[in-house]
């Protein structure tokens, strides 16, 4: 089994808005990138 060269768990993507709550675009993302993989 290959060990991921890059791995993240529970990633949240968003952006801040001044004086308001942040906007969440995506959340709870789990990603593992294996050696030799091309991701676009």
N, C-alpha and C. Protein backbone atom coordinates (compact mmCIF):
# COMPACT_ATOMS: atom_id res chain seq x y z
N UNK A 1 0.84 -1.18 0.00
CA UNK A 1 0.00 0.00 0.00
C UNK A 1 0.89 1.25 0.00
N UNK A 2 0.58 2.19 -0.88
CA UNK A 2 1.35 3.43 -0.96
C UNK A 2 0.96 4.39 0.16
N UNK A 3 1.94 5.09 0.66
CA UNK A 3 1.70 6.10 1.68
C UNK A 3 1.50 7.44 0.98
N UNK A 4 0.43 8.17 1.29
CA UNK A 4 0.21 9.47 0.64
C UNK A 4 1.37 10.43 0.89
N UNK A 5 1.72 11.21 -0.14
CA UNK A 5 2.76 12.23 0.05
C UNK A 5 2.14 13.53 0.56
N UNK A 6 0.83 13.65 0.41
CA UNK A 6 0.10 14.81 0.94
C UNK A 6 -1.24 14.29 1.44
N UNK A 7 -1.61 14.68 2.65
CA UNK A 7 -2.84 14.17 3.25
C UNK A 7 -3.45 15.24 4.13
N UNK A 8 -4.76 15.42 4.04
CA UNK A 8 -5.46 16.34 4.93
C UNK A 8 -6.81 15.74 5.31
N UNK A 9 -7.25 16.07 6.49
CA UNK A 9 -8.55 15.59 6.99
C UNK A 9 -9.36 16.77 7.51
N UNK A 10 -10.66 16.72 7.25
CA UNK A 10 -11.60 17.73 7.75
C UNK A 10 -11.22 19.15 7.32
N UNK A 11 -10.81 19.30 6.07
CA UNK A 11 -10.45 20.61 5.52
C UNK A 11 -11.73 21.41 5.28
N UNK A 12 -11.69 22.69 5.63
CA UNK A 12 -12.80 23.60 5.36
C UNK A 12 -12.27 24.71 4.47
N UNK A 13 -13.02 25.03 3.40
CA UNK A 13 -12.64 26.08 2.47
C UNK A 13 -13.69 27.18 2.55
N UNK A 14 -13.23 28.41 2.62
CA UNK A 14 -14.15 29.53 2.69
C UNK A 14 -13.39 30.84 2.60
N UNK A 15 -14.09 31.92 2.90
CA UNK A 15 -13.45 33.23 2.87
C UNK A 15 -14.15 34.15 3.88
N UNK A 16 -13.38 35.10 4.40
CA UNK A 16 -13.95 36.03 5.37
C UNK A 16 -14.68 37.18 4.70
N UNK A 17 -15.67 37.70 5.39
CA UNK A 17 -16.36 38.92 4.98
C UNK A 17 -16.25 39.87 6.17
N UNK A 18 -15.76 41.09 5.96
CA UNK A 18 -15.61 42.00 7.09
C UNK A 18 -16.91 42.19 7.87
N UNK A 19 -16.80 42.09 9.18
CA UNK A 19 -17.89 42.30 10.13
C UNK A 19 -19.05 41.32 9.96
N UNK A 20 -18.82 40.18 9.31
CA UNK A 20 -19.84 39.14 9.16
C UNK A 20 -19.20 37.78 9.41
N UNK A 21 -20.04 36.77 9.52
CA UNK A 21 -19.53 35.41 9.67
C UNK A 21 -18.84 34.97 8.37
N UNK A 22 -17.79 34.17 8.46
CA UNK A 22 -17.12 33.67 7.25
C UNK A 22 -18.08 32.85 6.38
N UNK A 23 -17.86 32.89 5.08
CA UNK A 23 -18.64 32.09 4.13
C UNK A 23 -17.91 30.76 3.93
N UNK A 24 -18.59 29.65 4.22
CA UNK A 24 -18.01 28.32 4.05
C UNK A 24 -18.45 27.79 2.69
N UNK A 25 -17.49 27.47 1.84
CA UNK A 25 -17.77 26.96 0.50
C UNK A 25 -17.86 25.44 0.51
N UNK A 26 -16.96 24.79 1.24
CA UNK A 26 -16.95 23.33 1.36
C UNK A 26 -16.32 22.98 2.70
N UNK A 27 -16.76 21.86 3.29
CA UNK A 27 -16.19 21.46 4.57
C UNK A 27 -16.13 19.96 4.69
N UNK A 28 -15.37 19.50 5.66
CA UNK A 28 -15.17 18.09 5.94
C UNK A 28 -14.60 17.35 4.72
N UNK A 29 -13.60 17.96 4.07
CA UNK A 29 -12.95 17.35 2.91
C UNK A 29 -11.75 16.54 3.40
N UNK A 30 -11.68 15.29 2.96
CA UNK A 30 -10.56 14.40 3.27
C UNK A 30 -9.87 14.04 1.96
N UNK A 31 -8.56 14.32 1.87
CA UNK A 31 -7.83 14.13 0.62
C UNK A 31 -6.50 13.45 0.90
N UNK A 32 -6.13 12.51 0.03
CA UNK A 32 -4.81 11.90 0.07
C UNK A 32 -4.25 11.85 -1.34
N UNK A 33 -3.05 12.37 -1.54
CA UNK A 33 -2.40 12.39 -2.85
C UNK A 33 -1.28 11.36 -2.84
N UNK A 34 -1.35 10.42 -3.77
CA UNK A 34 -0.35 9.35 -3.87
C UNK A 34 0.79 9.77 -4.80
N UNK A 35 1.98 9.24 -4.60
CA UNK A 35 3.10 9.55 -5.50
C UNK A 35 2.73 9.21 -6.95
N UNK A 36 3.03 10.13 -7.87
CA UNK A 36 2.78 9.89 -9.29
C UNK A 36 1.41 10.33 -9.76
N UNK A 37 0.51 10.74 -8.86
CA UNK A 37 -0.82 11.19 -9.27
C UNK A 37 -0.76 12.63 -9.76
N UNK A 38 -1.57 12.92 -10.78
CA UNK A 38 -1.71 14.28 -11.29
C UNK A 38 -3.13 14.73 -10.97
N UNK A 39 -3.24 15.84 -10.26
CA UNK A 39 -4.54 16.35 -9.84
C UNK A 39 -4.72 17.75 -10.41
N UNK A 40 -5.87 17.97 -11.05
CA UNK A 40 -6.16 19.30 -11.64
C UNK A 40 -7.30 19.95 -10.91
